[in-house]
PDB file of N, CA and C in Angstrom:
ATOM      1  N   MET A   1       0.825  -1.187   0.000  1.00  0.00           N
ATOM      2  CA  MET A   1       0.000   0.000   0.000  1.00  0.00           C
ATOM      3  C   MET A   1       0.875   1.259   0.000  1.00  0.00           C
ATOM      4  N   GLU A   2       1.929   1.269   0.809  1.00  0.00           N
ATOM      5  CA  GLU A   2       2.810   2.435   0.881  1.00  0.00           C
ATOM      6  C   GLU A   2       3.498   2.676  -0.460  1.00  0.00           C
ATOM      7  N   SER A   3       3.886   1.590  -1.144  1.00  0.00           N
ATOM      8  CA  SER A   3       4.528   1.717  -2.443  1.00  0.00           C
ATOM      9  C   SER A   3       3.573   2.339  -3.458  1.00  0.00           C
ATOM     10  N   GLN A   4       2.317   1.941  -3.424  1.00  0.00           N
ATOM     11  CA  GLN A   4       1.334   2.509  -4.346  1.00  0.00           C
ATOM     12  C   GLN A   4       1.128   3.994  -4.064  1.00  0.00           C
ATOM     13  N   LEU A   5       1.093   4.350  -2.803  1.00  0.00           N
ATOM     14  CA  LEU A   5       0.927   5.747  -2.428  1.00  0.00           C
ATOM     15  C   LEU A   5       2.129   6.564  -2.899  1.00  0.00           C
ATOM     16  N   SER A   6       3.323   6.011  -2.734  1.00  0.00           N
ATOM     17  CA  SER A   6       4.532   6.684  -3.191  1.00  0.00           C
ATOM     18  C   SER A   6       4.503   6.873  -4.703  1.00  0.00           C
ATOM     19  N   ASP A   7       4.118   5.825  -5.425  1.00  0.00           N
ATOM     20  CA  ASP A   7       4.037   5.912  -6.880  1.00  0.00           C
ATOM     21  C   ASP A   7       3.034   6.982  -7.302  1.00  0.00           C
ATOM     22  N   GLN A   8       1.927   7.068  -6.595  1.00  0.00           N
ATOM     23  CA  GLN A   8       0.913   8.075  -6.915  1.00  0.00           C
ATOM     24  C   GLN A   8       1.456   9.482  -6.678  1.00  0.00           C
ATOM     25  N   ARG A   9       2.197   9.659  -5.599  1.00  0.00           N
ATOM     26  CA  ARG A   9       2.789  10.975  -5.318  1.00  0.00           C
ATOM     27  C   ARG A   9       3.783  11.376  -6.402  1.00  0.00           C
ATOM     28  N   VAL A  10       4.603  10.408  -6.800  1.00  0.00           N
ATOM     29  CA  VAL A  10       5.581  10.679  -7.859  1.00  0.00           C
ATOM     30  C   VAL A  10       4.852  11.057  -9.143  1.00  0.00           C
ATOM     31  N   SER A  11       3.798  10.327  -9.448  1.00  0.00           N
ATOM     32  CA  SER A  11       3.011  10.610 -10.645  1.00  0.00           C
ATOM     33  C   SER A  11       2.375  11.999 -10.567  1.00  0.00           C
ATOM     34  N   ASP A  12       1.849  12.352  -9.398  1.00  0.00           N
ATOM     35  CA  ASP A  12       1.249  13.678  -9.213  1.00  0.00           C
ATOM     36  C   ASP A  12       2.293  14.778  -9.371  1.00  0.00           C
ATOM     37  N   HIS A  13       3.480  14.554  -8.794  1.00  0.00           N
ATOM     38  CA  HIS A  13       4.551  15.549  -8.909  1.00  0.00           C
ATOM     39  C   HIS A  13       4.980  15.709 -10.367  1.00  0.00           C
ATOM     40  N   ALA A  14       5.076  14.595 -11.085  1.00  0.00           N
ATOM     41  CA  ALA A  14       5.463  14.658 -12.495  1.00  0.00           C
ATOM     42  C   ALA A  14       4.415  15.424 -13.300  1.00  0.00           C
ATOM     43  N   ALA A  15       3.142  15.178 -13.022  1.00  0.00           N
ATOM     44  CA  ALA A  15       2.068  15.887 -13.729  1.00  0.00           C
ATOM     45  C   ALA A  15       2.101  17.381 -13.409  1.00  0.00           C
ATOM     46  N   ASN A  16       2.329  17.714 -12.147  1.00  0.00           N
ATOM     47  CA  ASN A  16       2.401  19.126 -11.756  1.00  0.00           C
ATOM     48  C   ASN A  16       3.583  19.824 -12.421  1.00  0.00           C
ATOM     49  N   LEU A  17       4.727  19.145 -12.459  1.00  0.00           N
ATOM     50  CA  LEU A  17       5.916  19.715 -13.081  1.00  0.00           C
ATOM     51  C   LEU A  17       5.689  19.927 -14.574  1.00  0.00           C
ATOM     52  N   SER A  18       5.075  18.947 -15.218  1.00  0.00           N
ATOM     53  CA  SER A  18       4.788  19.054 -16.643  1.00  0.00           C
ATOM     54  C   SER A  18       3.866  20.237 -16.922  1.00  0.00           C
ATOM     55  N   GLN A  19       2.855  20.405 -16.091  1.00  0.00           N
ATOM     56  CA  GLN A  19       1.920  21.517 -16.258  1.00  0.00           C
ATOM     57  C   GLN A  19       2.631  22.855 -16.033  1.00  0.00           C
ATOM     58  N   LEU A  20       3.474  22.916 -15.021  1.00  0.00           N
ATOM     59  CA  LEU A  20       4.211  24.142 -14.723  1.00  0.00           C
ATOM     60  C   LEU A  20       5.138  24.511 -15.876  1.00  0.00           C
ATOM     61  N   CYS A  21       5.855  23.517 -16.416  1.00  0.00           N
ATOM     62  CA  CYS A  21       6.754  23.778 -17.538  1.00  0.00           C
ATOM     63  C   CYS A  21       5.964  24.245 -18.755  1.00  0.00           C
ATOM     64  N   GLY A  22       4.792  23.671 -18.953  1.00  0.00           N
ATOM     65  CA  GLY A  22       3.941  24.093 -20.062  1.00  0.00           C
ATOM     66  C   GLY A  22       3.511  25.538 -19.930  1.00  0.00           C
ATOM     67  N   GLN A  23       3.378  26.024 -18.709  1.00  0.00           N
ATOM     68  CA  GLN A  23       2.996  27.418 -18.483  1.00  0.00           C
ATOM     69  C   GLN A  23       4.208  28.345 -18.572  1.00  0.00           C
ATOM     70  N   LEU A  24       5.359  27.864 -18.127  1.00  0.00           N
ATOM     71  CA  LEU A  24       6.549  28.715 -18.099  1.00  0.00           C
ATOM     72  C   LEU A  24       7.147  28.943 -19.482  1.00  0.00           C
ATOM     73  N   LEU A  25       7.081  27.938 -20.355  1.00  0.00           N
ATOM     74  CA  LEU A  25       7.694  28.078 -21.675  1.00  0.00           C
ATOM     75  C   LEU A  25       7.105  29.251 -22.459  1.00  0.00           C
ATOM     76  N   PRO A  26       5.773  29.378 -22.568  1.00  0.00           N
ATOM     77  CA  PRO A  26       5.242  30.540 -23.292  1.00  0.00           C
ATOM     78  C   PRO A  26       5.634  31.867 -22.636  1.00  0.00           C
ATOM     79  N   MET A  27       5.690  31.894 -21.310  1.00  0.00           N
ATOM     80  CA  MET A  27       6.100  33.122 -20.622  1.00  0.00           C
ATOM     81  C   MET A  27       7.544  33.460 -20.970  1.00  0.00           C
ATOM     82  N   ARG A  28       8.406  32.454 -20.973  1.00  0.00           N
ATOM     83  CA  ARG A  28       9.830  32.667 -21.281  1.00  0.00           C
ATOM     84  C   ARG A  28       9.994  33.105 -22.734  1.00  0.00           C
ATOM     85  N   GLN A  29       9.227  32.481 -23.639  1.00  0.00           N
ATOM     86  CA  GLN A  29       9.305  32.872 -25.042  1.00  0.00           C
ATOM     87  C   GLN A  29       8.869  34.324 -25.213  1.00  0.00           C
ATOM     88  N   SER A  30       7.860  34.726 -24.474  1.00  0.00           N
ATOM     89  CA  SER A  30       7.389  36.108 -24.523  1.00  0.00           C
ATOM     90  C   SER A  30       8.470  37.062 -24.013  1.00  0.00           C
ATOM     91  N   GLU A  31       9.142  36.683 -22.928  1.00  0.00           N
ATOM     92  CA  GLU A  31      10.230  37.504 -22.395  1.00  0.00           C
ATOM     93  C   GLU A  31      11.357  37.641 -23.414  1.00  0.00           C
ATOM     94  N   MET A  32      11.691  36.534 -24.085  1.00  0.00           N
ATOM     95  CA  MET A  32      12.768  36.582 -25.077  1.00  0.00           C
ATOM     96  C   MET A  32      12.367  37.476 -26.250  1.00  0.00           C
ATOM     97  N   TRP A  33      11.106  37.395 -26.667  1.00  0.00           N
ATOM     98  CA  TRP A  33      10.632  38.231 -27.763  1.00  0.00           C
ATOM     99  C   TRP A  33      10.727  39.705 -27.378  1.00  0.00           C
ATOM    100  N   LEU A  34      10.278  40.030 -26.167  1.00  0.00           N
ATOM    101  CA  LEU A  34      10.342  41.419 -25.711  1.00  0.00           C
ATOM    102  C   LEU A  34      11.785  41.907 -25.626  1.00  0.00           C
ATOM    103  N   THR A  35      12.673  41.044 -25.150  1.00  0.00           N
ATOM    104  CA  THR A  35      14.090  41.400 -25.067  1.00  0.00           C
ATOM    105  C   THR A  35      14.649  41.671 -26.463  1.00  0.00           C
ATOM    106  N   ALA A  36      14.239  40.857 -27.421  1.00  0.00           N
ATOM    107  CA  ALA A  36      14.709  41.038 -28.794  1.00  0.00           C
ATOM    108  C   ALA A  36      14.202  42.349 -29.392  1.00  0.00           C
ATOM    109  N   GLN A  37      13.087  42.845 -28.923  1.00  0.00           N
ATOM    110  CA  GLN A  37      12.525  44.093 -29.448  1.00  0.00           C
ATOM    111  C   GLN A  37      13.229  45.333 -28.892  1.00  0.00           C
ATOM    112  N   LEU A  38      13.936  45.194 -27.784  1.00  0.00           N
ATOM    113  CA  LEU A  38      14.551  46.351 -27.128  1.00  0.00           C
ATOM    114  C   LEU A  38      15.431  47.206 -28.038  1.00  0.00           C
ATOM    115  N   PRO A  39      16.336  46.612 -28.823  1.00  0.00           N
ATOM    116  CA  PRO A  39      17.172  47.477 -29.669  1.00  0.00           C
ATOM    117  C   PRO A  39      16.338  48.341 -30.611  1.00  0.00           C
ATOM    118  N   ARG A  40      15.261  47.798 -31.122  1.00  0.00           N
ATOM    119  CA  ARG A  40      14.411  48.570 -32.029  1.00  0.00           C
ATOM    120  C   ARG A  40      13.674  49.679 -31.287  1.00  0.00           C
ATOM    121  N   LEU A  41      13.281  49.394 -30.056  1.00  0.00           N
ATOM    122  CA  LEU A  41      12.552  50.391 -29.284  1.00  0.00           C
ATOM    123  C   LEU A  41      13.471  51.508 -28.788  1.00  0.00           C
ATOM    124  N   ILE A  42      14.693  51.131 -28.414  1.00  0.00           N
ATOM    125  CA  ILE A  42      15.629  52.105 -27.851  1.00  0.00           C
ATOM    126  C   ILE A  42      16.219  52.998 -28.942  1.00  0.00           C
ATOM    127  N   GLU A  43      16.684  52.373 -30.008  1.00  0.00           N
ATOM    128  CA  GLU A  43      17.334  53.127 -31.077  1.00  0.00           C
ATOM    129  C   GLU A  43      16.770  52.688 -32.426  1.00  0.00           C
ATOM    130  N   PRO A  44      15.562  53.094 -32.757  1.00  0.00           N
ATOM    131  CA  PRO A  44      14.919  52.588 -33.965  1.00  0.00           C
ATOM    132  C   PRO A  44      15.547  53.061 -35.273  1.00  0.00           C
ATOM    133  N   HIS A  45      16.342  54.114 -35.252  1.00  0.00           N
ATOM    134  CA  HIS A  45      16.866  54.670 -36.493  1.00  0.00           C
ATOM    135  C   HIS A  45      18.316  54.281 -36.773  1.00  0.00           C
ATOM    136  N   ARG A  46      18.868  53.401 -35.962  1.00  0.00           N
ATOM    137  CA  ARG A  46      20.258  52.985 -36.185  1.00  0.00           C
ATOM    138  C   ARG A  46      20.314  51.997 -37.334  1.00  0.00           C
ATOM    139  N   SER A  47      21.174  52.249 -38.287  1.00  0.00           N
ATOM    140  CA  SER A  47      21.295  51.351 -39.436  1.00  0.00           C
ATOM    141  C   SER A  47      22.368  50.285 -39.214  1.00  0.00           C
ATOM    142  N   ASP A  48      23.125  50.405 -38.120  1.00  0.00           N
ATOM    143  CA  ASP A  48      24.206  49.450 -37.877  1.00  0.00           C
ATOM    144  C   ASP A  48      23.765  48.258 -37.029  1.00  0.00           C
ATOM    145  N   ILE A  49      22.454  48.105 -36.791  1.00  0.00           N
ATOM    146  CA  ILE A  49      21.948  46.960 -36.035  1.00  0.00           C
ATOM    147  C   ILE A  49      21.595  45.855 -37.024  1.00  0.00           C
ATOM    148  N   THR A  50      22.220  44.699 -36.854  1.00  0.00           N
ATOM    149  CA  THR A  50      21.973  43.571 -37.741  1.00  0.00           C
ATOM    150  C   THR A  50      21.362  42.418 -36.956  1.00  0.00           C
ATOM    151  N   PRO A  51      20.157  41.973 -37.342  1.00  0.00           N
ATOM    152  CA  PRO A  51      19.560  40.834 -36.636  1.00  0.00           C
ATOM    153  C   PRO A  51      20.161  39.507 -37.110  1.00  0.00           C
ATOM    154  N   VAL A  52      20.391  38.606 -36.177  1.00  0.00           N
ATOM    155  CA  VAL A  52      20.853  37.249 -36.476  1.00  0.00           C
ATOM    156  C   VAL A  52      19.862  36.303 -35.818  1.00  0.00           C
ATOM    157  N   THR A  53      19.180  35.505 -36.631  1.00  0.00           N
ATOM    158  CA  THR A  53      18.151  34.610 -36.108  1.00  0.00           C
ATOM    159  C   THR A  53      18.672  33.182 -36.067  1.00  0.00           C
ATOM    160  N   VAL A  54      18.439  32.516 -34.936  1.00  0.00           N
ATOM    161  CA  VAL A  54      18.852  31.128 -34.738  1.00  0.00           C
ATOM    162  C   VAL A  54      17.617  30.336 -34.338  1.00  0.00           C
ATOM    163  N   GLN A  55      17.427  29.190 -34.976  1.00  0.00           N
ATOM    164  CA  GLN A  55      16.295  28.347 -34.606  1.00  0.00           C
ATOM    165  C   GLN A  55      16.826  27.118 -33.878  1.00  0.00           C
ATOM    166  N   LEU A  56      16.296  26.870 -32.682  1.00  0.00           N
ATOM    167  CA  LEU A  56      16.706  25.733 -31.870  1.00  0.00           C
ATOM    168  C   LEU A  56      15.586  24.709 -31.855  1.00  0.00           C
ATOM    169  N   ARG A  57      15.950  23.445 -31.990  1.00  0.00           N
ATOM    170  CA  ARG A  57      14.963  22.369 -31.921  1.00  0.00           C
ATOM    171  C   ARG A  57      15.379  21.394 -30.831  1.00  0.00           C
ATOM    172  N   ARG A  58      14.375  20.896 -30.105  1.00  0.00           N
ATOM    173  CA  ARG A  58      14.631  19.922 -29.047  1.00  0.00           C
ATOM    174  C   ARG A  58      13.662  18.774 -29.238  1.00  0.00           C
ATOM    175  N   ASP A  59      14.214  17.561 -29.330  1.00  0.00           N
ATOM    176  CA  ASP A  59      13.384  16.373 -29.496  1.00  0.00           C
ATOM    177  C   ASP A  59      12.982  15.865 -28.123  1.00  0.00           C
ATOM    178  N   LEU A  60      11.685  15.850 -27.862  1.00  0.00           N
ATOM    179  CA  LEU A  60      11.172  15.395 -26.575  1.00  0.00           C
ATOM    180  C   LEU A  60      10.685  13.953 -26.636  1.00  0.00           C
ATOM    181  N   GLY A  61      11.030  13.236 -27.678  1.00  0.00           N
ATOM    182  CA  GLY A  61      10.582  11.854 -27.821  1.00  0.00           C
ATOM    183  C   GLY A  61       9.263  11.782 -28.555  1.00  0.00           C
ATOM    184  N   HIS A  62       8.220  12.298 -27.955  1.00  0.00           N
ATOM    185  CA  HIS A  62       6.895  12.244 -28.563  1.00  0.00           C
ATOM    186  C   HIS A  62       6.564  13.502 -29.364  1.00  0.00           C
ATOM    187  N   GLN A  63       7.386  14.524 -29.262  1.00  0.00           N
ATOM    188  CA  GLN A  63       7.161  15.753 -30.030  1.00  0.00           C
ATOM    189  C   GLN A  63       8.467  16.526 -30.136  1.00  0.00           C
ATOM    190  N   THR A  64       8.508  17.453 -31.055  1.00  0.00           N
ATOM    191  CA  THR A  64       9.678  18.309 -31.216  1.00  0.00           C
ATOM    192  C   THR A  64       9.291  19.726 -30.838  1.00  0.00           C
ATOM    193  N   GLN A  65      10.125  20.348 -30.036  1.00  0.00           N
ATOM    194  CA  GLN A  65       9.874  21.714 -29.595  1.00  0.00           C
ATOM    195  C   GLN A  65      10.841  22.625 -30.348  1.00  0.00           C
ATOM    196  N   SER A  66      10.342  23.723 -30.847  1.00  0.00           N
ATOM    197  CA  SER A  66      11.163  24.626 -31.638  1.00  0.00           C
ATOM    198  C   SER A  66      11.068  26.039 -31.070  1.00  0.00           C
ATOM    199  N   VAL A  67      12.210  26.685 -30.944  1.00  0.00           N
ATOM    200  CA  VAL A  67      12.262  28.062 -30.449  1.00  0.00           C
ATOM    201  C   VAL A  67      13.148  28.857 -31.398  1.00  0.00           C
ATOM    202  N   GLU A  68      12.707  30.037 -31.758  1.00  0.00           N
ATOM    203  CA  GLU A  68      13.500  30.894 -32.624  1.00  0.00           C
ATOM    204  C   GLU A  68      13.999  32.086 -31.813  1.00  0.00           C
ATOM    205  N   LEU A  69      15.300  32.289 -31.833  1.00  0.00           N
ATOM    206  CA  LEU A  69      15.913  33.396 -31.091  1.00  0.00           C
ATOM    207  C   LEU A  69      16.518  34.383 -32.082  1.00  0.00           C
ATOM    208  N   THR A  70      16.371  35.649 -31.800  1.00  0.00           N
ATOM    209  CA  THR A  70      16.985  36.674 -32.635  1.00  0.00           C
ATOM    210  C   THR A  70      17.935  37.497 -31.770  1.00  0.00           C
ATOM    211  N   PHE A  71      19.173  37.556 -32.218  1.00  0.00           N
ATOM    212  CA  PHE A  71      20.188  38.355 -31.544  1.00  0.00           C
ATOM    213  C   PHE A  71      20.487  39.557 -32.427  1.00  0.00           C
ATOM    214  N   TYR A  72      20.946  40.618 -31.826  1.00  0.00           N
ATOM    215  CA  TYR A  72      21.274  41.812 -32.592  1.00  0.00           C
ATOM    216  C   TYR A  72      22.748  42.126 -32.418  1.00  0.00           C
ATOM    217  N   THR A  73      23.414  42.330 -33.546  1.00  0.00           N
ATOM    218  CA  THR A  73      24.820  42.711 -33.507  1.00  0.00           C
ATOM    219  C   THR A  73      24.930  44.171 -33.930  1.00  0.00           C
ATOM    220  N   PHE A  74      25.903  44.841 -33.397  1.00  0.00           N
ATOM    221  CA  PHE A  74      26.131  46.245 -33.719  1.00  0.00           C
ATOM    222  C   PHE A  74      27.471  46.361 -34.425  1.00  0.00           C
ATOM    223  N   SER A  75      27.469  46.966 -35.613  1.00  0.00           N
ATOM    224  CA  SER A  75      28.729  47.101 -36.341  1.00  0.00           C
ATOM    225  C   SER A  75      29.387  48.428 -36.073  1.00  0.00           C
TER     226      SER A  75
END
């Protein structure tokens, strides 16, 4: 009985963690997008700002997660 209870707790914790990560990822992506917009908002008329976009993919076994990051270089 104790083993079953332990397994249930582990399962509940895993489900809670999965749900939390599902909520945090969109928030983090939003933060990264806003951060990427800063150079344009601060100095919109600078012609020496060059965007460099990188796409990252992560295989989660049952699905692939993709995130696109844009960095800005100043010449």
